[in-house]
Amino acid sequence: MEALLDAGTSQKEIAAILKVHPSTISREHQRSVHGRYDAHAAARKARVRRLNAKYQGMRIEACAALKTHIIQELRRKRSPDEIAGRMRRERMPWYASKNAIYKWLYSVYGGAYCRYLCTQRWRRKPQQRCPRREMIPHRVSIHERPLGATNCTRYGHFEGDTAVAPKRAMNTEALALAIERKSKLLVGEKIPSLAPREMTRAIRLMQHAVAMQSLTLDNGIENKAHERWQVPGFFADPHSPWQKPMIENVIGLLRRWRFPKGTDWKRVSAPRLAHALAFLNHKYRKSLGYQSAWEVARAHGIIKQKYPRRDCN
C-alpha cells in the first residue's frame, strides 16, 4: 500500500488491487503520520491495537454477575475447574472456562483472589532407606482383585492407607483413610497408634458407614490383622504406591487443603477431621461429571448411614 500511494495510485485502484473495500484503504491512510503513509509504523500501531483489544480477564470483568459468582465459589474453596464444570452442567446464563478463570486470576484484576486457590510446591522428595518390614500373613496380591475392582466398573471397592504424624511430634496417633474407587467417597478415622488392633477397629467403624466389597492396601504392619476385617483385603506390591493412586492423591489433597505436612494428629479433633472429609467429599469433580463424591455415592447406595452434612466453607 505504501508503494502504491507513493506511485500516485488512487485509493479506489489500491482497494481493487488489494481486494478490500475502498473505505478500508481510506481509514488506513488517515492513520498515517505527517500526511505520509509508513508501512512499518502502521504495522507497529496495529500490533499495539491488537494487544489492547482483549485484555486479560476481559470476559469476566465485562459480566458483573459472572464475576460475583466466581468470587463466591472461590471463597468456598472451589477450584476453577469445578466452577467452570458446574456452570456448564447447570446451564447458567453466563459461562467462563477454567482457563479463562485462571487467566483472570493471574491478571491484575483477579490477583486478590488467588489466595483461595489450592497452591502446591513441587520438590523432589529425598530418598530414604526403606525400613525392614514384617511379613503379613496370608496376604492376597493386588493382581488377584476382582475385575470390577481393577477397572473401576463396580461400586464398593476401596483403597486404604494411613497418614502418620511427624517423628518430632513424639506421638503415635495417625489417620486411617479409605476412598471408594468409583465414586471417590472418602471415609476416615483417627487411631491412637498403628497397632493392628486399632486398624481393625477403624476398618469396622468405616464398614458401619459405607458398603465395602474389597479394600486395597499397602504392606504396613498395621494391616497385619486383615483377616479379621470382614472384608477382603488385597495388598499392593512392595514399594509400589502407584498401584493405589486414588488414596495417595486424596491424602495429598487433604494435606494441601486442611492439614499441612507435619501436622500433629493429636491436636486434630474428631469434628475437625469430619469437617475436612466432608469438604473433600462435597467438591465437584471433573471425573464425576462435575458432581461431588457425596452425590454419586448416595445415588448408588454406598453410604449406609446418614452423615451429618456440614457447611464446607
C-alpha atoms as a PDB file:
ATOM      1  CA  MET A   1       0.000   0.000   0.000  1.00  0.00           C
ATOM      2  CA  GLU A   2       2.869   2.370   0.785  1.00  0.00           C
ATOM      3  CA  ALA A   3       4.448   1.727  -2.615  1.00  0.00           C
ATOM      4  CA  LEU A   4       1.178   2.245  -4.471  1.00  0.00           C
ATOM      5  CA  LEU A   5       0.477   5.523  -2.651  1.00  0.00           C
ATOM      6  CA  ASP A   6       3.987   6.782  -3.414  1.00  0.00           C
ATOM      7  CA  ALA A   7       3.393   5.921  -7.091  1.00  0.00           C
ATOM      8  CA  GLY A   8       0.300   8.134  -7.129  1.00  0.00           C
ATOM      9  CA  THR A   9      -2.265   5.338  -7.382  1.00  0.00           C
ATOM     10  CA  SER A  10      -5.745   6.320  -6.258  1.00  0.00           C
ATOM     11  CA  GLN A  11      -7.303   4.763  -3.169  1.00  0.00           C
ATOM     12  CA  LYS A  12     -10.036   3.131  -5.265  1.00  0.00           C
ATOM     13  CA  GLU A  13      -7.443   1.463  -7.517  1.00  0.00           C
ATOM     14  CA  ILE A  14      -5.421   0.345  -4.473  1.00  0.00           C
ATOM     15  CA  ALA A  15      -8.582  -1.219  -2.985  1.00  0.00           C
ATOM     16  CA  ALA A  16      -9.167  -3.122  -6.236  1.00  0.00           C
ATOM     17  CA  ILE A  17      -5.556  -4.392  -6.278  1.00  0.00           C
ATOM     18  CA  LEU A  18      -5.579  -5.443  -2.607  1.00  0.00           C
ATOM     19  CA  LYS A  19      -9.164  -6.784  -2.901  1.00  0.00           C
ATOM     20  CA  VAL A  20     -10.556  -4.768   0.016  1.00  0.00           C
ATOM     21  CA  HIS A  21     -13.238  -2.116   0.321  1.00  0.00           C
ATOM     22  CA  PRO A  22     -12.158   1.449  -0.574  1.00  0.00           C
ATOM     23  CA  SER A  23     -13.209   2.685   2.881  1.00  0.00           C
ATOM     24  CA  THR A  24     -10.647   0.293   4.397  1.00  0.00           C
ATOM     25  CA  ILE A  25      -7.882   1.967   2.421  1.00  0.00           C
ATOM     26  CA  SER A  26      -9.223   5.379   3.393  1.00  0.00           C
ATOM     27  CA  ARG A  27      -9.267   4.599   7.127  1.00  0.00           C
ATOM     28  CA  GLU A  28      -5.783   3.101   6.969  1.00  0.00           C
ATOM     29  CA  HIS A  29      -4.464   6.143   5.112  1.00  0.00           C
ATOM     30  CA  GLN A  30      -5.935   8.503   7.723  1.00  0.00           C
ATOM     31  CA  ARG A  31      -3.720   6.835  10.353  1.00  0.00           C
ATOM     32  CA  SER A  32      -0.585   7.994   8.505  1.00  0.00           C
ATOM     33  CA  VAL A  33       1.922  10.239  10.279  1.00  0.00           C
ATOM     34  CA  HIS A  34       2.531  13.761   8.909  1.00  0.00           C
ATOM     35  CA  GLY A  35       0.485  13.013   5.816  1.00  0.00           C
ATOM     36  CA  ARG A  36       2.740  10.193   4.564  1.00  0.00           C
ATOM     37  CA  TYR A  37       1.804   6.534   4.975  1.00  0.00           C
ATOM     38  CA  ASP A  38       4.572   4.396   6.572  1.00  0.00           C
ATOM     39  CA  ALA A  39       4.023   0.636   6.413  1.00  0.00           C
ATOM     40  CA  HIS A  40       6.350  -0.131   9.374  1.00  0.00           C
ATOM     41  CA  ALA A  41       4.711   2.464  11.621  1.00  0.00           C
ATOM     42  CA  ALA A  42       1.265   1.207  10.607  1.00  0.00           C
ATOM     43  CA  ALA A  43       2.225  -2.387  11.433  1.00  0.00           C
ATOM     44  CA  ARG A  44       3.539  -1.323  14.853  1.00  0.00           C
ATOM     45  CA  LYS A  45       0.345   0.582  15.633  1.00  0.00           C
ATOM     46  CA  ALA A  46      -1.745  -2.411  14.517  1.00  0.00           C
ATOM     47  CA  ARG A  47       0.100  -4.694  16.936  1.00  0.00           C
ATOM     48  CA  VAL A  48      -0.490  -2.281  19.813  1.00  0.00           C
ATOM     49  CA  ARG A  49      -4.201  -2.025  18.974  1.00  0.00           C
ATOM     50  CA  ARG A  50      -4.456  -5.807  18.832  1.00  0.00           C
ATOM     51  CA  LEU A  51      -2.745  -6.240  22.197  1.00  0.00           C
ATOM     52  CA  ASN A  52      -5.066  -3.714  23.821  1.00  0.00           C
ATOM     53  CA  ALA A  53      -8.205  -5.074  22.158  1.00  0.00           C
ATOM     54  CA  LYS A  54      -8.571  -8.049  24.534  1.00  0.00           C
ATOM     55  CA  TYR A  55      -7.031  -7.644  27.966  1.00  0.00           C
ATOM     56  CA  GLN A  56      -6.630 -10.459  30.482  1.00  0.00           C
ATOM     57  CA  GLY A  57      -9.854 -11.293  32.232  1.00  0.00           C
ATOM     58  CA  MET A  58     -11.970  -9.237  29.805  1.00  0.00           C
ATOM     59  CA  ARG A  59     -14.784 -11.815  29.703  1.00  0.00           C
ATOM     60  CA  ILE A  60     -15.170 -11.943  33.483  1.00  0.00           C
ATOM     61  CA  GLU A  61     -14.662  -8.228  34.082  1.00  0.00           C
ATOM     62  CA  ALA A  62     -17.329  -7.423  31.474  1.00  0.00           C
ATOM     63  CA  CYS A  63     -20.022  -9.504  33.270  1.00  0.00           C
ATOM     64  CA  ALA A  64     -20.696  -8.465  36.874  1.00  0.00           C
ATOM     65  CA  ALA A  65     -22.911 -11.493  37.616  1.00  0.00           C
ATOM     66  CA  LEU A  66     -20.267 -13.937  36.342  1.00  0.00           C
ATOM     67  CA  LYS A  67     -17.539 -12.218  38.344  1.00  0.00           C
ATOM     68  CA  THR A  68     -19.631 -12.271  41.538  1.00  0.00           C
ATOM     69  CA  HIS A  69     -20.426 -15.975  41.090  1.00  0.00           C
ATOM     70  CA  ILE A  70     -16.764 -16.900  40.537  1.00  0.00           C
ATOM     71  CA  ILE A  71     -15.629 -14.951  43.605  1.00  0.00           C
ATOM     72  CA  GLN A  72     -18.296 -16.598  45.775  1.00  0.00           C
ATOM     73  CA  GLU A  73     -17.282 -20.078  44.602  1.00  0.00           C
ATOM     74  CA  LEU A  74     -13.573 -19.339  45.103  1.00  0.00           C
ATOM     75  CA  ARG A  75     -14.311 -18.310  48.678  1.00  0.00           C
ATOM     76  CA  ARG A  76     -15.998 -21.691  49.147  1.00  0.00           C
ATOM     77  CA  LYS A  77     -12.664 -23.271  48.143  1.00  0.00           C
ATOM     78  CA  ARG A  78     -13.925 -24.375  44.715  1.00  0.00           C
ATOM     79  CA  SER A  79     -11.238 -24.747  42.062  1.00  0.00           C
ATOM     80  CA  PRO A  80     -11.604 -23.008  38.651  1.00  0.00           C
ATOM     81  CA  ASP A  81     -12.211 -26.414  37.055  1.00  0.00           C
ATOM     82  CA  GLU A  82     -15.044 -27.120  39.500  1.00  0.00           C
ATOM     83  CA  ILE A  83     -16.579 -23.689  38.923  1.00  0.00           C
ATOM     84  CA  ALA A  84     -16.453 -23.928  35.127  1.00  0.00           C
ATOM     85  CA  GLY A  85     -17.717 -27.516  35.014  1.00  0.00           C
ATOM     86  CA  ARG A  86     -20.602 -26.818  37.372  1.00  0.00           C
ATOM     87  CA  MET A  87     -21.665 -23.735  35.396  1.00  0.00           C
ATOM     88  CA  ARG A  88     -21.772 -25.820  32.234  1.00  0.00           C
ATOM     89  CA  ARG A  89     -23.627 -28.656  33.962  1.00  0.00           C
ATOM     90  CA  GLU A  90     -26.277 -26.323  35.413  1.00  0.00           C
ATOM     91  CA  ARG A  91     -26.510 -24.338  32.145  1.00  0.00           C
ATOM     92  CA  MET A  92     -26.123 -20.964  33.756  1.00  0.00           C
ATOM     93  CA  PRO A  93     -26.804 -17.848  31.651  1.00  0.00           C
ATOM     94  CA  TRP A  94     -23.095 -16.949  31.744  1.00  0.00           C
ATOM     95  CA  TYR A  95     -20.004 -19.106  31.446  1.00  0.00           C
ATOM     96  CA  ALA A  96     -16.214 -18.891  31.599  1.00  0.00           C
ATOM     97  CA  SER A  97     -13.848 -21.799  31.034  1.00  0.00           C
ATOM     98  CA  LYS A  98     -11.309 -22.834  33.652  1.00  0.00           C
ATOM     99  CA  ASN A  99      -8.525 -21.338  31.502  1.00  0.00           C
ATOM    100  CA  ALA A 100     -10.377 -18.022  31.369  1.00  0.00           C
ATOM    101  CA  ILE A 101     -10.782 -18.073  35.165  1.00  0.00           C
ATOM    102  CA  TYR A 102      -7.086 -18.827  35.695  1.00  0.00           C
ATOM    103  CA  LYS A 103      -6.164 -16.087  33.207  1.00  0.00           C
ATOM    104  CA  TRP A 104      -8.317 -13.641  35.151  1.00  0.00           C
ATOM    105  CA  LEU A 105      -6.890 -14.764  38.487  1.00  0.00           C
ATOM    106  CA  TYR A 106      -3.307 -14.295  37.305  1.00  0.00           C
ATOM    107  CA  SER A 107      -4.061 -10.792  35.990  1.00  0.00           C
ATOM    108  CA  VAL A 108      -4.197  -7.518  37.930  1.00  0.00           C
ATOM    109  CA  TYR A 109      -7.991  -7.804  38.054  1.00  0.00           C
ATOM    110  CA  GLY A 110      -8.293 -11.137  39.882  1.00  0.00           C
ATOM    111  CA  GLY A 111      -4.952 -11.370  41.651  1.00  0.00           C
ATOM    112  CA  ALA A 112      -6.505 -10.571  45.032  1.00  0.00           C
ATOM    113  CA  TYR A 113      -8.478 -13.842  44.905  1.00  0.00           C
ATOM    114  CA  CYS A 114      -5.500 -16.158  44.228  1.00  0.00           C
ATOM    115  CA  ARG A 115      -5.297 -16.796  47.985  1.00  0.00           C
ATOM    116  CA  TYR A 116      -8.366 -19.011  47.676  1.00  0.00           C
ATOM    117  CA  LEU A 117      -6.596 -21.418  45.268  1.00  0.00           C
ATOM    118  CA  CYS A 118      -5.124 -24.726  46.387  1.00  0.00           C
ATOM    119  CA  THR A 119      -1.420 -23.965  45.778  1.00  0.00           C
ATOM    120  CA  GLN A 120       1.345 -26.533  45.901  1.00  0.00           C
ATOM    121  CA  ARG A 121       5.120 -26.562  45.668  1.00  0.00           C
ATOM    122  CA  TRP A 122       6.847 -29.273  43.691  1.00  0.00           C
ATOM    123  CA  ARG A 123      10.121 -30.514  45.056  1.00  0.00           C
ATOM    124  CA  ARG A 124      11.917 -33.791  44.888  1.00  0.00           C
ATOM    125  CA  LYS A 125      11.437 -35.873  47.990  1.00  0.00           C
ATOM    126  CA  PRO A 126      14.783 -37.067  49.401  1.00  0.00           C
ATOM    127  CA  GLN A 127      15.338 -40.786  49.035  1.00  0.00           C
ATOM    128  CA  GLN A 128      15.148 -42.661  52.298  1.00  0.00           C
ATOM    129  CA  ARG A 129      16.340 -46.134  53.080  1.00  0.00           C
ATOM    130  CA  CYS A 130      13.336 -48.455  53.224  1.00  0.00           C
ATOM    131  CA  PRO A 131      12.894 -49.999  56.676  1.00  0.00           C
ATOM    132  CA  ARG A 132      12.647 -53.719  57.127  1.00  0.00           C
ATOM    133  CA  ARG A 133       9.030 -54.826  57.015  1.00  0.00           C
ATOM    134  CA  GLU A 134       7.420 -57.715  58.808  1.00  0.00           C
ATOM    135  CA  MET A 135       5.666 -60.230  56.578  1.00  0.00           C
ATOM    136  CA  ILE A 136       1.862 -60.011  56.583  1.00  0.00           C
ATOM    137  CA  PRO A 137       0.352 -63.486  56.953  1.00  0.00           C
ATOM    138  CA  HIS A 138      -1.888 -64.816  54.192  1.00  0.00           C
ATOM    139  CA  ARG A 139      -1.617 -61.627  52.153  1.00  0.00           C
ATOM    140  CA  VAL A 140      -3.521 -61.656  48.854  1.00  0.00           C
ATOM    141  CA  SER A 141      -1.851 -59.866  45.947  1.00  0.00           C
ATOM    142  CA  ILE A 142      -3.455 -56.882  44.250  1.00  0.00           C
ATOM    143  CA  HIS A 143      -3.277 -58.830  41.000  1.00  0.00           C
ATOM    144  CA  GLU A 144      -5.967 -61.171  42.332  1.00  0.00           C
ATOM    145  CA  ARG A 145      -8.565 -58.448  42.832  1.00  0.00           C
ATOM    146  CA  PRO A 146     -11.975 -58.893  41.144  1.00  0.00           C
ATOM    147  CA  LEU A 147     -12.256 -57.357  37.695  1.00  0.00           C
ATOM    148  CA  GLY A 148     -14.768 -54.785  38.914  1.00  0.00           C
ATOM    149  CA  ALA A 149     -12.250 -53.519  41.481  1.00  0.00           C
ATOM    150  CA  THR A 150      -9.389 -53.358  38.983  1.00  0.00           C
ATOM    151  CA  ASN A 151     -11.116 -51.425  36.196  1.00  0.00           C
ATOM    152  CA  CYS A 152     -13.471 -49.388  38.452  1.00  0.00           C
ATOM    153  CA  THR A 153     -16.633 -50.704  36.811  1.00  0.00           C
ATOM    154  CA  ARG A 154     -18.398 -51.631  40.087  1.00  0.00           C
ATOM    155  CA  TYR A 155     -19.086 -49.687  43.239  1.00  0.00           C
ATOM    156  CA  GLY A 156     -17.940 -50.666  46.723  1.00  0.00           C
ATOM    157  CA  HIS A 157     -14.223 -51.277  46.120  1.00  0.00           C
ATOM    158  CA  PHE A 158     -11.948 -49.117  48.287  1.00  0.00           C
ATOM    159  CA  GLU A 159      -8.294 -48.155  48.595  1.00  0.00           C
ATOM    160  CA  GLY A 160      -6.885 -47.600  52.078  1.00  0.00           C
ATOM    161  CA  ASP A 161      -3.825 -46.062  53.714  1.00  0.00           C
ATOM    162  CA  THR A 162      -2.675 -44.245  56.838  1.00  0.00           C
ATOM    163  CA  ALA A 163      -1.419 -40.682  57.351  1.00  0.00           C
ATOM    164  CA  VAL A 164       1.063 -40.558  60.221  1.00  0.00           C
ATOM    165  CA  ALA A 165       2.341 -37.720  62.407  1.00  0.00           C
ATOM    166  CA  PRO A 166       5.955 -36.496  62.032  1.00  0.00           C
ATOM    167  CA  LYS A 167       8.608 -38.168  64.128  1.00  0.00           C
ATOM    168  CA  ARG A 168       9.300 -34.932  66.019  1.00  0.00           C
ATOM    169  CA  ALA A 169       5.677 -34.932  67.301  1.00  0.00           C
ATOM    170  CA  MET A 170       6.625 -37.741  69.710  1.00  0.00           C
ATOM    171  CA  ASN A 171       3.256 -39.480  69.470  1.00  0.00           C
ATOM    172  CA  THR A 172       1.876 -42.435  67.555  1.00  0.00           C
ATOM    173  CA  GLU A 173      -1.562 -41.120  66.520  1.00  0.00           C
ATOM    174  CA  ALA A 174      -2.477 -41.426  62.851  1.00  0.00           C
ATOM    175  CA  LEU A 175      -5.381 -41.301  60.392  1.00  0.00           C
ATOM    176  CA  ALA A 176      -6.848 -44.412  58.800  1.00  0.00           C
ATOM    177  CA  LEU A 177      -8.393 -43.417  55.454  1.00  0.00           C
ATOM    178  CA  ALA A 178     -10.236 -45.241  52.679  1.00  0.00           C
ATOM    179  CA  ILE A 179     -11.591 -43.974  49.342  1.00  0.00           C
ATOM    180  CA  GLU A 180     -14.161 -45.671  47.106  1.00  0.00           C
ATOM    181  CA  ARG A 181     -12.550 -46.110  43.693  1.00  0.00           C
ATOM    182  CA  LYS A 182     -15.568 -45.296  41.505  1.00  0.00           C
ATOM    183  CA  SER A 183     -17.407 -42.578  43.432  1.00  0.00           C
ATOM    184  CA  LYS A 184     -14.269 -41.083  45.130  1.00  0.00           C
ATOM    185  CA  LEU A 185     -16.064 -41.062  48.514  1.00  0.00           C
ATOM    186  CA  LEU A 186     -13.561 -40.613  51.362  1.00  0.00           C
ATOM    187  CA  VAL A 187     -14.014 -42.005  54.886  1.00  0.00           C
ATOM    188  CA  GLY A 188     -11.587 -41.975  57.778  1.00  0.00           C
ATOM    189  CA  GLU A 189     -10.998 -42.482  61.487  1.00  0.00           C
ATOM    190  CA  LYS A 190      -8.374 -41.336  63.968  1.00  0.00           C
ATOM    191  CA  ILE A 191      -6.377 -44.181  65.529  1.00  0.00           C
ATOM    192  CA  PRO A 192      -4.165 -43.843  68.642  1.00  0.00           C
ATOM    193  CA  SER A 193      -1.408 -45.989  67.113  1.00  0.00           C
ATOM    194  CA  LEU A 194      -0.528 -48.190  64.151  1.00  0.00           C
ATOM    195  CA  ALA A 195      -1.195 -51.334  66.131  1.00  0.00           C
ATOM    196  CA  PRO A 196      -3.141 -53.947  64.089  1.00  0.00           C
ATOM    197  CA  ARG A 197      -5.993 -53.973  66.633  1.00  0.00           C
ATOM    198  CA  GLU A 198      -6.506 -50.207  66.231  1.00  0.00           C
ATOM    199  CA  MET A 199      -6.564 -50.508  62.446  1.00  0.00           C
ATOM    200  CA  THR A 200      -9.098 -53.329  62.744  1.00  0.00           C
ATOM    201  CA  ARG A 201     -11.331 -51.146  64.920  1.00  0.00           C
ATOM    202  CA  ALA A 202     -11.115 -48.272  62.419  1.00  0.00           C
ATOM    203  CA  ILE A 203     -11.973 -50.508  59.447  1.00  0.00           C
ATOM    204  CA  ARG A 204     -15.028 -51.889  61.249  1.00  0.00           C
ATOM    205  CA  LEU A 205     -16.235 -48.355  62.040  1.00  0.00           C
ATOM    206  CA  MET A 206     -15.900 -47.478  58.351  1.00  0.00           C
ATOM    207  CA  GLN A 207     -17.863 -50.583  57.416  1.00  0.00           C
ATOM    208  CA  HIS A 208     -20.754 -49.351  59.556  1.00  0.00           C
ATOM    209  CA  ALA A 209     -20.827 -46.169  57.467  1.00  0.00           C
ATOM    210  CA  VAL A 210     -20.219 -47.449  53.915  1.00  0.00           C
ATOM    211  CA  ALA A 211     -20.702 -50.658  51.948  1.00  0.00           C
ATOM    212  CA  MET A 212     -17.259 -52.206  51.318  1.00  0.00           C
ATOM    213  CA  GLN A 213     -16.764 -55.018  48.832  1.00  0.00           C
ATOM    214  CA  SER A 214     -12.960 -55.022  48.950  1.00  0.00           C
ATOM    215  CA  LEU A 215     -10.058 -52.964  50.279  1.00  0.00           C
ATOM    216  CA  THR A 216      -6.674 -52.434  48.606  1.00  0.00           C
ATOM    217  CA  LEU A 217      -3.784 -51.550  50.947  1.00  0.00           C
ATOM    218  CA  ASP A 218      -0.026 -51.354  51.245  1.00  0.00           C
ATOM    219  CA  ASN A 219       2.186 -53.675  53.258  1.00  0.00           C
ATOM    220  CA  GLY A 220       2.288 -51.720  56.521  1.00  0.00           C
ATOM    221  CA  ILE A 221       2.356 -53.714  59.726  1.00  0.00           C
ATOM    222  CA  GLU A 222      -0.912 -52.041  60.828  1.00  0.00           C
ATOM    223  CA  ASN A 223      -2.654 -54.250  58.226  1.00  0.00           C
ATOM    224  CA  LYS A 224      -1.394 -57.483  59.771  1.00  0.00           C
ATOM    225  CA  ALA A 225      -4.848 -58.415  61.148  1.00  0.00           C
ATOM    226  CA  HIS A 226      -6.613 -58.067  57.777  1.00  0.00           C
ATOM    227  CA  GLU A 227      -8.263 -61.469  58.144  1.00  0.00           C
ATOM    228  CA  ARG A 228     -10.465 -60.080  60.943  1.00  0.00           C
ATOM    229  CA  TRP A 229     -11.806 -57.144  58.919  1.00  0.00           C
ATOM    230  CA  GLN A 230     -14.849 -58.953  57.483  1.00  0.00           C
ATOM    231  CA  VAL A 231     -13.924 -57.502  54.069  1.00  0.00           C
ATOM    232  CA  PRO A 232     -11.489 -58.998  51.509  1.00  0.00           C
ATOM    233  CA  GLY A 233      -8.106 -57.253  51.630  1.00  0.00           C
ATOM    234  CA  PHE A 234      -5.710 -57.037  48.676  1.00  0.00           C
ATOM    235  CA  PHE A 235      -2.123 -55.843  49.012  1.00  0.00           C
ATOM    236  CA  ALA A 236      -0.057 -53.792  46.587  1.00  0.00           C
ATOM    237  CA  ASP A 237       3.431 -54.890  45.612  1.00  0.00           C
ATOM    238  CA  PRO A 238       6.205 -53.715  47.987  1.00  0.00           C
ATOM    239  CA  HIS A 239       7.248 -50.069  47.452  1.00  0.00           C
ATOM    240  CA  SER A 240       4.579 -49.553  44.763  1.00  0.00           C
ATOM    241  CA  PRO A 241       2.298 -46.703  45.915  1.00  0.00           C
ATOM    242  CA  TRP A 242       1.232 -46.049  42.299  1.00  0.00           C
ATOM    243  CA  GLN A 243      -0.849 -49.235  42.463  1.00  0.00           C
ATOM    244  CA  LYS A 244      -3.297 -47.407  44.748  1.00  0.00           C
ATOM    245  CA  PRO A 245      -3.159 -43.895  43.254  1.00  0.00           C
ATOM    246  CA  MET A 246      -6.533 -42.597  44.448  1.00  0.00           C
ATOM    247  CA  ILE A 247      -5.804 -42.803  48.164  1.00  0.00           C
ATOM    248  CA  GLU A 248      -2.307 -41.373  47.653  1.00  0.00           C
ATOM    249  CA  ASN A 249      -3.766 -38.446  45.707  1.00  0.00           C
ATOM    250  CA  VAL A 250      -6.529 -37.721  48.224  1.00  0.00           C
ATOM    251  CA  ILE A 251      -4.072 -37.749  51.134  1.00  0.00           C
ATOM    252  CA  GLY A 252      -2.100 -35.123  49.215  1.00  0.00           C
ATOM    253  CA  LEU A 253      -5.267 -33.066  48.759  1.00  0.00           C
ATOM    254  CA  LEU A 254      -6.100 -33.412  52.448  1.00  0.00           C
ATOM    255  CA  ARG A 255      -2.664 -32.129  53.388  1.00  0.00           C
ATOM    256  CA  ARG A 256      -2.733 -29.228  50.910  1.00  0.00           C
ATOM    257  CA  TRP A 257      -6.243 -28.060  51.791  1.00  0.00           C
ATOM    258  CA  ARG A 258      -6.577 -28.754  55.529  1.00  0.00           C
ATOM    259  CA  PHE A 259      -3.633 -30.448  57.286  1.00  0.00           C
ATOM    260  CA  PRO A 260      -0.161 -29.419  56.039  1.00  0.00           C
ATOM    261  CA  LYS A 261       2.606 -31.964  56.165  1.00  0.00           C
ATOM    262  CA  GLY A 262       3.934 -32.096  59.693  1.00  0.00           C
ATOM    263  CA  THR A 263       0.520 -31.788  61.373  1.00  0.00           C
ATOM    264  CA  ASP A 264       0.367 -33.404  64.794  1.00  0.00           C
ATOM    265  CA  TRP A 265      -2.781 -35.564  64.645  1.00  0.00           C
ATOM    266  CA  LYS A 266      -3.065 -35.432  68.434  1.00  0.00           C
ATOM    267  CA  ARG A 267      -4.120 -31.793  68.075  1.00  0.00           C
ATOM    268  CA  VAL A 268      -6.759 -32.536  65.415  1.00  0.00           C
ATOM    269  CA  SER A 269     -10.190 -33.119  66.941  1.00  0.00           C
ATOM    270  CA  ALA A 270     -12.731 -35.575  65.570  1.00  0.00           C
ATOM    271  CA  PRO A 271     -15.164 -32.798  64.471  1.00  0.00           C
ATOM    272  CA  ARG A 272     -12.342 -31.014  62.644  1.00  0.00           C
ATOM    273  CA  LEU A 273     -11.409 -34.236  60.830  1.00  0.00           C
ATOM    274  CA  ALA A 274     -15.049 -34.905  59.906  1.00  0.00           C
ATOM    275  CA  HIS A 275     -15.345 -31.353  58.559  1.00  0.00           C
ATOM    276  CA  ALA A 276     -12.226 -31.850  56.391  1.00  0.00           C
ATOM    277  CA  LEU A 277     -13.537 -35.166  54.985  1.00  0.00           C
ATOM    278  CA  ALA A 278     -16.905 -33.543  54.236  1.00  0.00           C
ATOM    279  CA  PHE A 279     -15.121 -30.696  52.466  1.00  0.00           C
ATOM    280  CA  LEU A 280     -13.385 -33.094  50.047  1.00  0.00           C
ATOM    281  CA  ASN A 281     -16.488 -35.250  49.607  1.00  0.00           C
ATOM    282  CA  HIS A 282     -18.520 -32.214  48.503  1.00  0.00           C
ATOM    283  CA  LYS A 283     -16.047 -30.885  45.956  1.00  0.00           C
ATOM    284  CA  TYR A 284     -17.223 -31.115  42.337  1.00  0.00           C
ATOM    285  CA  ARG A 285     -15.023 -33.477  40.320  1.00  0.00           C
ATOM    286  CA  LYS A 286     -14.459 -33.458  36.582  1.00  0.00           C
ATOM    287  CA  SER A 287     -14.159 -37.282  36.554  1.00  0.00           C
ATOM    288  CA  LEU A 288     -17.691 -37.498  38.035  1.00  0.00           C
ATOM    289  CA  GLY A 289     -19.266 -35.114  35.533  1.00  0.00           C
ATOM    290  CA  TYR A 290     -18.838 -32.219  37.981  1.00  0.00           C
ATOM    291  CA  GLN A 291     -20.809 -33.977  40.680  1.00  0.00           C
ATOM    292  CA  SER A 292     -19.488 -34.440  44.191  1.00  0.00           C
ATOM    293  CA  ALA A 293     -18.409 -37.797  45.600  1.00  0.00           C
ATOM    294  CA  TRP A 294     -21.213 -37.450  48.136  1.00  0.00           C
ATOM    295  CA  GLU A 295     -23.864 -37.125  45.400  1.00  0.00           C
ATOM    296  CA  VAL A 296     -22.578 -40.138  43.437  1.00  0.00           C
ATOM    297  CA  ALA A 297     -22.126 -42.367  46.490  1.00  0.00           C
ATOM    298  CA  ARG A 298     -25.584 -41.527  47.832  1.00  0.00           C
ATOM    299  CA  ALA A 299     -27.161 -42.240  44.436  1.00  0.00           C
ATOM    300  CA  HIS A 300     -25.536 -45.697  44.236  1.00  0.00           C
ATOM    301  CA  GLY A 301     -26.127 -46.847  47.805  1.00  0.00           C
ATOM    302  CA  ILE A 302     -22.519 -46.685  49.028  1.00  0.00           C
ATOM    303  CA  ILE A 303     -23.496 -44.780  52.173  1.00  0.00           C
ATOM    304  CA  LYS A 304     -25.160 -46.951  54.808  1.00  0.00           C
ATOM    305  CA  GLN A 305     -25.986 -44.324  57.404  1.00  0.00           C
ATOM    306  CA  LYS A 306     -26.757 -40.643  57.024  1.00  0.00           C
ATOM    307  CA  TYR A 307     -23.732 -38.461  57.681  1.00  0.00           C
ATOM    308  CA  PRO A 308     -24.342 -35.099  59.371  1.00  0.00           C
ATOM    309  CA  ARG A 309     -23.891 -32.695  56.461  1.00  0.00           C
ATOM    310  CA  ARG A 310     -21.586 -29.853  57.472  1.00  0.00           C
ATOM    311  CA  ASP A 311     -21.001 -26.480  55.906  1.00  0.00           C
ATOM    312  CA  CYS A 312     -17.796 -26.916  53.940  1.00  0.00           C
ATOM    313  CA  ASN A 313     -16.975 -23.214  53.574  1.00  0.00           C
END
